[in-house]
């Protein structure tokens, strides 16, 4: 398994704050599926970020989040 790192931006449909961050994951060597990676980032990072920003009075839906992946590479750190 190879450790990878991705630089990404996540935007919510209504919330005016962007998440600019990095995400690390392991996968078998080979091509990176950006669509699957985007979904993984939404589920494991962005949903929690926007829930923290919105508070308990607003329900965050995955469909309202758009993730743009800027760069991916193996992580050797």
PDB file of N, CA and C in Angstrom:
ATOM      1  N   UNK A   1       0.845  -1.180   0.000  1.00  0.00           N
ATOM      2  CA  UNK A   1       0.000   0.000   0.000  1.00  0.00           C
ATOM      3  C   UNK A   1       0.893   1.247   0.000  1.00  0.00           C
ATOM      4  N   UNK A   2       0.499   2.215  -0.791  1.00  0.00           N
ATOM      5  CA  UNK A   2       1.229   3.470  -0.902  1.00  0.00           C
ATOM      6  C   UNK A   2       0.453   4.575  -0.204  1.00  0.00           C
ATOM      7  N   UNK A   3       1.154   5.430   0.514  1.00  0.00           N
ATOM      8  CA  UNK A   3       0.545   6.580   1.166  1.00  0.00           C
ATOM      9  C   UNK A   3       0.578   7.749   0.184  1.00  0.00           C
ATOM     10  N   UNK A   4      -0.585   8.384  -0.016  1.00  0.00           N
ATOM     11  CA  UNK A   4      -0.700   9.519  -0.922  1.00  0.00           C
ATOM     12  C   UNK A   4      -1.170  10.749  -0.160  1.00  0.00           C
ATOM     13  N   UNK A   5      -0.928  11.923  -0.749  1.00  0.00           N
ATOM     14  CA  UNK A   5      -1.413  13.185  -0.200  1.00  0.00           C
ATOM     15  C   UNK A   5      -2.065  13.973  -1.342  1.00  0.00           C
ATOM     16  N   UNK A   6      -3.164  14.640  -1.020  1.00  0.00           N
ATOM     17  CA  UNK A   6      -3.875  15.452  -2.006  1.00  0.00           C
ATOM     18  C   UNK A   6      -4.110  16.842  -1.443  1.00  0.00           C
ATOM     19  N   UNK A   7      -3.905  17.842  -2.267  1.00  0.00           N
ATOM     20  CA  UNK A   7      -4.257  19.215  -1.919  1.00  0.00           C
ATOM     21  C   UNK A   7      -5.626  19.470  -2.529  1.00  0.00           C
ATOM     22  N   UNK A   8      -6.562  20.019  -1.727  1.00  0.00           N
ATOM     23  CA  UNK A   8      -7.923  20.206  -2.231  1.00  0.00           C
ATOM     24  C   UNK A   8      -8.578  21.452  -1.645  1.00  0.00           C
ATOM     25  N   UNK A   9      -9.651  21.872  -2.293  1.00  0.00           N
ATOM     26  CA  UNK A   9     -10.541  22.918  -1.807  1.00  0.00           C
ATOM     27  C   UNK A   9     -11.950  22.352  -1.810  1.00  0.00           C
ATOM     28  N   UNK A  10     -12.682  22.583  -0.715  1.00  0.00           N
ATOM     29  CA  UNK A  10     -14.080  22.162  -0.629  1.00  0.00           C
ATOM     30  C   UNK A  10     -14.941  23.402  -0.436  1.00  0.00           C
ATOM     31  N   UNK A  11     -16.030  23.471  -1.208  1.00  0.00           N
ATOM     32  CA  UNK A  11     -16.968  24.589  -1.117  1.00  0.00           C
ATOM     33  C   UNK A  11     -18.364  24.032  -0.857  1.00  0.00           C
ATOM     34  N   UNK A  12     -19.096  24.731  -0.010  1.00  0.00           N
ATOM     35  CA  UNK A  12     -20.484  24.375   0.279  1.00  0.00           C
ATOM     36  C   UNK A  12     -21.395  25.291  -0.535  1.00  0.00           C
ATOM     37  N   UNK A  13     -22.546  24.773  -0.892  1.00  0.00           N
ATOM     38  CA  UNK A  13     -23.499  25.513  -1.718  1.00  0.00           C
ATOM     39  C   UNK A  13     -23.936  26.823  -1.075  1.00  0.00           C
ATOM     40  N   UNK A  14     -24.089  26.848   0.266  1.00  0.00           N
ATOM     41  CA  UNK A  14     -24.590  28.038   0.953  1.00  0.00           C
ATOM     42  C   UNK A  14     -23.569  28.712   1.869  1.00  0.00           C
ATOM     43  N   UNK A  15     -22.750  27.929   2.518  1.00  0.00           N
ATOM     44  CA  UNK A  15     -21.789  28.466   3.486  1.00  0.00           C
ATOM     45  C   UNK A  15     -20.651  29.153   2.734  1.00  0.00           C
ATOM     46  N   UNK A  16     -20.335  30.367   3.134  1.00  0.00           N
ATOM     47  CA  UNK A  16     -19.372  31.183   2.413  1.00  0.00           C
ATOM     48  C   UNK A  16     -17.921  30.989   2.864  1.00  0.00           C
ATOM     49  N   UNK A  17     -17.644  29.917   3.576  1.00  0.00           N
ATOM     50  CA  UNK A  17     -16.288  29.595   4.019  1.00  0.00           C
ATOM     51  C   UNK A  17     -15.802  28.393   3.213  1.00  0.00           C
ATOM     52  N   UNK A  18     -14.559  28.439   2.729  1.00  0.00           N
ATOM     53  CA  UNK A  18     -13.975  27.327   1.983  1.00  0.00           C
ATOM     54  C   UNK A  18     -13.026  26.544   2.876  1.00  0.00           C
ATOM     55  N   UNK A  19     -12.956  25.250   2.629  1.00  0.00           N
ATOM     56  CA  UNK A  19     -11.963  24.403   3.279  1.00  0.00           C
ATOM     57  C   UNK A  19     -10.805  24.220   2.303  1.00  0.00           C
ATOM     58  N   UNK A  20      -9.638  24.727   2.646  1.00  0.00           N
ATOM     59  CA  UNK A  20      -8.422  24.540   1.854  1.00  0.00           C
ATOM     60  C   UNK A  20      -7.498  23.689   2.697  1.00  0.00           C
ATOM     61  N   UNK A  21      -7.245  22.466   2.246  1.00  0.00           N
ATOM     62  CA  UNK A  21      -6.533  21.544   3.120  1.00  0.00           C
ATOM     63  C   UNK A  21      -5.815  20.477   2.308  1.00  0.00           C
ATOM     64  N   UNK A  22      -5.243  19.528   3.040  1.00  0.00           N
ATOM     65  CA  UNK A  22      -4.653  18.341   2.434  1.00  0.00           C
ATOM     66  C   UNK A  22      -5.330  17.113   3.034  1.00  0.00           C
ATOM     67  N   UNK A  23      -5.281  16.017   2.303  1.00  0.00           N
ATOM     68  CA  UNK A  23      -5.908  14.771   2.722  1.00  0.00           C
ATOM     69  C   UNK A  23      -4.940  13.643   2.415  1.00  0.00           C
ATOM     70  N   UNK A  24      -4.759  12.744   3.364  1.00  0.00           N
ATOM     71  CA  UNK A  24      -3.859  11.611   3.161  1.00  0.00           C
ATOM     72  C   UNK A  24      -4.652  10.313   3.204  1.00  0.00           C
ATOM     73  N   UNK A  25      -4.278   9.367   2.349  1.00  0.00           N
ATOM     74  CA  UNK A  25      -4.930   8.066   2.299  1.00  0.00           C
ATOM     75  C   UNK A  25      -3.963   7.033   1.750  1.00  0.00           C
ATOM     76  N   UNK A  26      -4.298   5.790   1.992  1.00  0.00           N
ATOM     77  CA  UNK A  26      -3.501   4.669   1.464  1.00  0.00           C
ATOM     78  C   UNK A  26      -4.308   3.942   0.402  1.00  0.00           C
ATOM     79  N   UNK A  27      -3.608   3.505  -0.626  1.00  0.00           N
ATOM     80  CA  UNK A  27      -4.228   2.676  -1.660  1.00  0.00           C
ATOM     81  C   UNK A  27      -3.140   1.875  -2.356  1.00  0.00           C
ATOM     82  N   UNK A  28      -3.581   0.861  -3.046  1.00  0.00           N
ATOM     83  CA  UNK A  28      -2.653   0.098  -3.874  1.00  0.00           C
ATOM     84  C   UNK A  28      -2.079   1.036  -4.923  1.00  0.00           C
ATOM     85  N   UNK A  29      -0.859   0.823  -5.305  1.00  0.00           N
ATOM     86  CA  UNK A  29      -0.249   1.652  -6.341  1.00  0.00           C
ATOM     87  C   UNK A  29      -1.083   1.594  -7.606  1.00  0.00           C
ATOM     88  N   UNK A  30      -1.046   2.652  -8.362  1.00  0.00           N
ATOM     89  CA  UNK A  30      -1.798   2.704  -9.606  1.00  0.00           C
ATOM     90  C   UNK A  30      -2.462   4.049  -9.772  1.00  0.00           C
ATOM     91  N   UNK A  31      -3.385   4.111 -10.726  1.00  0.00           N
ATOM     92  CA  UNK A  31      -4.065   5.362 -11.019  1.00  0.00           C
ATOM     93  C   UNK A  31      -4.948   5.797  -9.862  1.00  0.00           C
ATOM     94  N   UNK A  32      -5.023   7.117  -9.669  1.00  0.00           N
ATOM     95  CA  UNK A  32      -5.883   7.704  -8.647  1.00  0.00           C
ATOM     96  C   UNK A  32      -7.186   8.104  -9.326  1.00  0.00           C
ATOM     97  N   UNK A  33      -8.302   7.613  -8.809  1.00  0.00           N
ATOM     98  CA  UNK A  33      -9.621   7.951  -9.323  1.00  0.00           C
ATOM     99  C   UNK A  33     -10.087   9.207  -8.587  1.00  0.00           C
ATOM    100  N   UNK A  34     -10.028  10.369  -9.266  1.00  0.00           N
ATOM    101  CA  UNK A  34     -10.361  11.632  -8.619  1.00  0.00           C
ATOM    102  C   UNK A  34     -11.808  11.696  -8.147  1.00  0.00           C
ATOM    103  N   UNK A  35     -12.711  11.049  -8.841  1.00  0.00           N
ATOM    104  CA  UNK A  35     -14.109  11.038  -8.420  1.00  0.00           C
ATOM    105  C   UNK A  35     -14.280  10.287  -7.100  1.00  0.00           C
ATOM    106  N   UNK A  36     -13.662   9.125  -7.000  1.00  0.00           N
ATOM    107  CA  UNK A  36     -13.726   8.359  -5.755  1.00  0.00           C
ATOM    108  C   UNK A  36     -13.006   9.096  -4.632  1.00  0.00           C
ATOM    109  N   UNK A  37     -11.874   9.732  -4.945  1.00  0.00           N
ATOM    110  CA  UNK A  37     -11.129  10.493  -3.941  1.00  0.00           C
ATOM    111  C   UNK A  37     -11.957  11.675  -3.450  1.00  0.00           C
ATOM    112  N   UNK A  38     -12.613  12.368  -4.347  1.00  0.00           N
ATOM    113  CA  UNK A  38     -13.468  13.489  -3.975  1.00  0.00           C
ATOM    114  C   UNK A  38     -14.569  13.047  -3.014  1.00  0.00           C
ATOM    115  N   UNK A  39     -15.209  11.919  -3.309  1.00  0.00           N
ATOM    116  CA  UNK A  39     -16.251  11.382  -2.422  1.00  0.00           C
ATOM    117  C   UNK A  39     -15.678  11.008  -1.060  1.00  0.00           C
ATOM    118  N   UNK A  40     -14.488  10.433  -1.048  1.00  0.00           N
ATOM    119  CA  UNK A  40     -13.833  10.051   0.213  1.00  0.00           C
ATOM    120  C   UNK A  40     -13.511  11.295   1.048  1.00  0.00           C
ATOM    121  N   UNK A  41     -13.025  12.355   0.409  1.00  0.00           N
ATOM    122  CA  UNK A  41     -12.725  13.597   1.115  1.00  0.00           C
ATOM    123  C   UNK A  41     -14.003  14.199   1.693  1.00  0.00           C
ATOM    124  N   UNK A  42     -15.085  14.187   0.923  1.00  0.00           N
ATOM    125  CA  UNK A  42     -16.365  14.709   1.426  1.00  0.00           C
ATOM    126  C   UNK A  42     -16.799  13.973   2.683  1.00  0.00           C
ATOM    127  N   UNK A  43     -16.744  12.636   2.641  1.00  0.00           N
ATOM    128  CA  UNK A  43     -17.222  11.800   3.761  1.00  0.00           C
ATOM    129  C   UNK A  43     -16.319  11.885   4.988  1.00  0.00           C
ATOM    130  N   UNK A  44     -15.004  11.924   4.771  1.00  0.00           N
ATOM    131  CA  UNK A  44     -14.063  11.794   5.882  1.00  0.00           C
ATOM    132  C   UNK A  44     -13.484  13.115   6.376  1.00  0.00           C
ATOM    133  N   UNK A  45     -13.699  14.202   5.636  1.00  0.00           N
ATOM    134  CA  UNK A  45     -13.133  15.482   6.054  1.00  0.00           C
ATOM    135  C   UNK A  45     -14.137  16.628   5.955  1.00  0.00           C
ATOM    136  N   UNK A  46     -14.602  16.923   4.751  1.00  0.00           N
ATOM    137  CA  UNK A  46     -15.377  18.136   4.510  1.00  0.00           C
ATOM    138  C   UNK A  46     -16.706  18.184   5.245  1.00  0.00           C
ATOM    139  N   UNK A  47     -17.402  17.072   5.351  1.00  0.00           N
ATOM    140  CA  UNK A  47     -18.688  17.066   6.056  1.00  0.00           C
ATOM    141  C   UNK A  47     -18.494  17.492   7.505  1.00  0.00           C
ATOM    142  N   UNK A  48     -17.397  17.058   8.118  1.00  0.00           N
ATOM    143  CA  UNK A  48     -17.111  17.413   9.507  1.00  0.00           C
ATOM    144  C   UNK A  48     -16.707  18.885   9.618  1.00  0.00           C
ATOM    145  N   UNK A  49     -15.934  19.353   8.657  1.00  0.00           N
ATOM    146  CA  UNK A  49     -15.527  20.761   8.644  1.00  0.00           C
ATOM    147  C   UNK A  49     -16.752  21.666   8.562  1.00  0.00           C
ATOM    148  N   UNK A  50     -17.647  21.395   7.614  1.00  0.00           N
ATOM    149  CA  UNK A  50     -18.813  22.264   7.439  1.00  0.00           C
ATOM    150  C   UNK A  50     -19.819  22.110   8.581  1.00  0.00           C
ATOM    151  N   UNK A  51     -19.912  20.929   9.170  1.00  0.00           N
ATOM    152  CA  UNK A  51     -20.748  20.767  10.365  1.00  0.00           C
ATOM    153  C   UNK A  51     -20.225  21.629  11.512  1.00  0.00           C
ATOM    154  N   UNK A  52     -18.920  21.697  11.657  1.00  0.00           N
ATOM    155  CA  UNK A  52     -18.324  22.517  12.708  1.00  0.00           C
ATOM    156  C   UNK A  52     -18.625  23.998  12.463  1.00  0.00           C
ATOM    157  N   UNK A  53     -18.525  24.441  11.217  1.00  0.00           N
ATOM    158  CA  UNK A  53     -18.779  25.835  10.866  1.00  0.00           C
ATOM    159  C   UNK A  53     -20.263  26.171  11.037  1.00  0.00           C
ATOM    160  N   UNK A  54     -21.141  25.284  10.587  1.00  0.00           N
ATOM    161  CA  UNK A  54     -22.583  25.569  10.579  1.00  0.00           C
ATOM    162  C   UNK A  54     -23.225  25.451  11.956  1.00  0.00           C
ATOM    163  N   UNK A  55     -22.664  24.630  12.814  1.00  0.00           N
ATOM    164  CA  UNK A  55     -23.274  24.413  14.117  1.00  0.00           C
ATOM    165  C   UNK A  55     -24.384  23.386  14.034  1.00  0.00           C
ATOM    166  N   UNK A  56     -25.098  23.208  15.121  1.00  0.00           N
ATOM    167  CA  UNK A  56     -26.092  22.138  15.220  1.00  0.00           C
ATOM    168  C   UNK A  56     -27.438  22.481  14.591  1.00  0.00           C
ATOM    169  N   UNK A  57     -27.647  23.730  14.220  1.00  0.00           N
ATOM    170  CA  UNK A  57     -28.952  24.150  13.707  1.00  0.00           C
ATOM    171  C   UNK A  57     -29.087  23.983  12.194  1.00  0.00           C
ATOM    172  N   UNK A  58     -28.038  23.545  11.519  1.00  0.00           N
ATOM    173  CA  UNK A  58     -28.087  23.380  10.058  1.00  0.00           C
ATOM    174  C   UNK A  58     -27.534  22.016   9.685  1.00  0.00           C
ATOM    175  N   UNK A  59     -28.300  21.263   8.935  1.00  0.00           N
ATOM    176  CA  UNK A  59     -27.907  19.920   8.518  1.00  0.00           C
ATOM    177  C   UNK A  59     -27.094  19.997   7.218  1.00  0.00           C
ATOM    178  N   UNK A  60     -25.882  19.513   7.244  1.00  0.00           N
ATOM    179  CA  UNK A  60     -25.008  19.514   6.069  1.00  0.00           C
ATOM    180  C   UNK A  60     -25.221  18.223   5.282  1.00  0.00           C
ATOM    181  N   UNK A  61     -25.454  18.367   3.981  1.00  0.00           N
ATOM    182  CA  UNK A  61     -25.632  17.230   3.080  1.00  0.00           C
ATOM    183  C   UNK A  61     -24.408  17.103   2.167  1.00  0.00           C
ATOM    184  N   UNK A  62     -23.988  15.875   1.915  1.00  0.00           N
ATOM    185  CA  UNK A  62     -22.834  15.649   1.028  1.00  0.00           C
ATOM    186  C   UNK A  62     -23.049  16.248  -0.358  1.00  0.00           C
ATOM    187  N   UNK A  63     -24.288  16.228  -0.835  1.00  0.00           N
ATOM    188  CA  UNK A  63     -24.599  16.732  -2.178  1.00  0.00           C
ATOM    189  C   UNK A  63     -24.363  18.235  -2.304  1.00  0.00           C
ATOM    190  N   UNK A  64     -24.306  18.946  -1.171  1.00  0.00           N
ATOM    191  CA  UNK A  64     -24.111  20.398  -1.190  1.00  0.00           C
ATOM    192  C   UNK A  64     -22.636  20.800  -1.159  1.00  0.00           C
ATOM    193  N   UNK A  65     -21.750  19.816  -1.134  1.00  0.00           N
ATOM    194  CA  UNK A  65     -20.313  20.082  -1.058  1.00  0.00           C
ATOM    195  C   UNK A  65     -19.660  19.733  -2.396  1.00  0.00           C
ATOM    196  N   UNK A  66     -18.830  20.645  -2.879  1.00  0.00           N
ATOM    197  CA  UNK A  66     -18.063  20.397  -4.108  1.00  0.00           C
ATOM    198  C   UNK A  66     -16.582  20.411  -3.753  1.00  0.00           C
ATOM    199  N   UNK A  67     -15.873  19.354  -4.112  1.00  0.00           N
ATOM    200  CA  UNK A  67     -14.444  19.241  -3.835  1.00  0.00           C
ATOM    201  C   UNK A  67     -13.660  19.372  -5.138  1.00  0.00           C
ATOM    202  N   UNK A  68     -12.664  20.236  -5.119  1.00  0.00           N
ATOM    203  CA  UNK A  68     -11.736  20.373  -6.238  1.00  0.00           C
ATOM    204  C   UNK A  68     -10.371  19.881  -5.771  1.00  0.00           C
ATOM    205  N   UNK A  69      -9.836  18.904  -6.470  1.00  0.00           N
ATOM    206  CA  UNK A  69      -8.525  18.349  -6.133  1.00  0.00           C
ATOM    207  C   UNK A  69      -7.497  19.033  -7.022  1.00  0.00           C
ATOM    208  N   UNK A  70      -6.548  19.694  -6.379  1.00  0.00           N
ATOM    209  CA  UNK A  70      -5.548  20.459  -7.117  1.00  0.00           C
ATOM    210  C   UNK A  70      -4.317  19.631  -7.453  1.00  0.00           C
ATOM    211  N   UNK A  71      -3.924  18.762  -6.544  1.00  0.00           N
ATOM    212  CA  UNK A  71      -2.680  18.029  -6.756  1.00  0.00           C
ATOM    213  C   UNK A  71      -2.695  16.758  -5.919  1.00  0.00           C
ATOM    214  N   UNK A  72      -2.184  15.677  -6.458  1.00  0.00           N
ATOM    215  CA  UNK A  72      -2.009  14.427  -5.709  1.00  0.00           C
ATOM    216  C   UNK A  72      -0.618  13.896  -6.004  1.00  0.00           C
ATOM    217  N   UNK A  73      -0.042  13.261  -4.984  1.00  0.00           N
ATOM    218  CA  UNK A  73       1.283  12.641  -5.175  1.00  0.00           C
ATOM    219  C   UNK A  73       1.544  11.668  -4.043  1.00  0.00           C
ATOM    220  N   UNK A  74       2.460  10.726  -4.269  1.00  0.00           N
ATOM    221  CA  UNK A  74       2.854   9.838  -3.179  1.00  0.00           C
ATOM    222  C   UNK A  74       3.499  10.665  -2.068  1.00  0.00           C
ATOM    223  N   UNK A  75       3.267  10.264  -0.822  1.00  0.00           N
ATOM    224  CA  UNK A  75       3.817  10.986   0.334  1.00  0.00           C
ATOM    225  C   UNK A  75       4.939  10.161   0.918  1.00  0.00           C
ATOM    226  N   UNK A  76       6.108  10.776   0.998  1.00  0.00           N
ATOM    227  CA  UNK A  76       7.279  10.075   1.514  1.00  0.00           C
ATOM    228  C   UNK A  76       7.805  10.727   2.787  1.00  0.00           C
ATOM    229  N   UNK A  77       6.939  11.386   3.554  1.00  0.00           N
ATOM    230  CA  UNK A  77       7.379  12.162   4.711  1.00  0.00           C
ATOM    231  C   UNK A  77       7.401  11.433   5.961  1.00  0.00           C
TER     232      UNK A  77
END
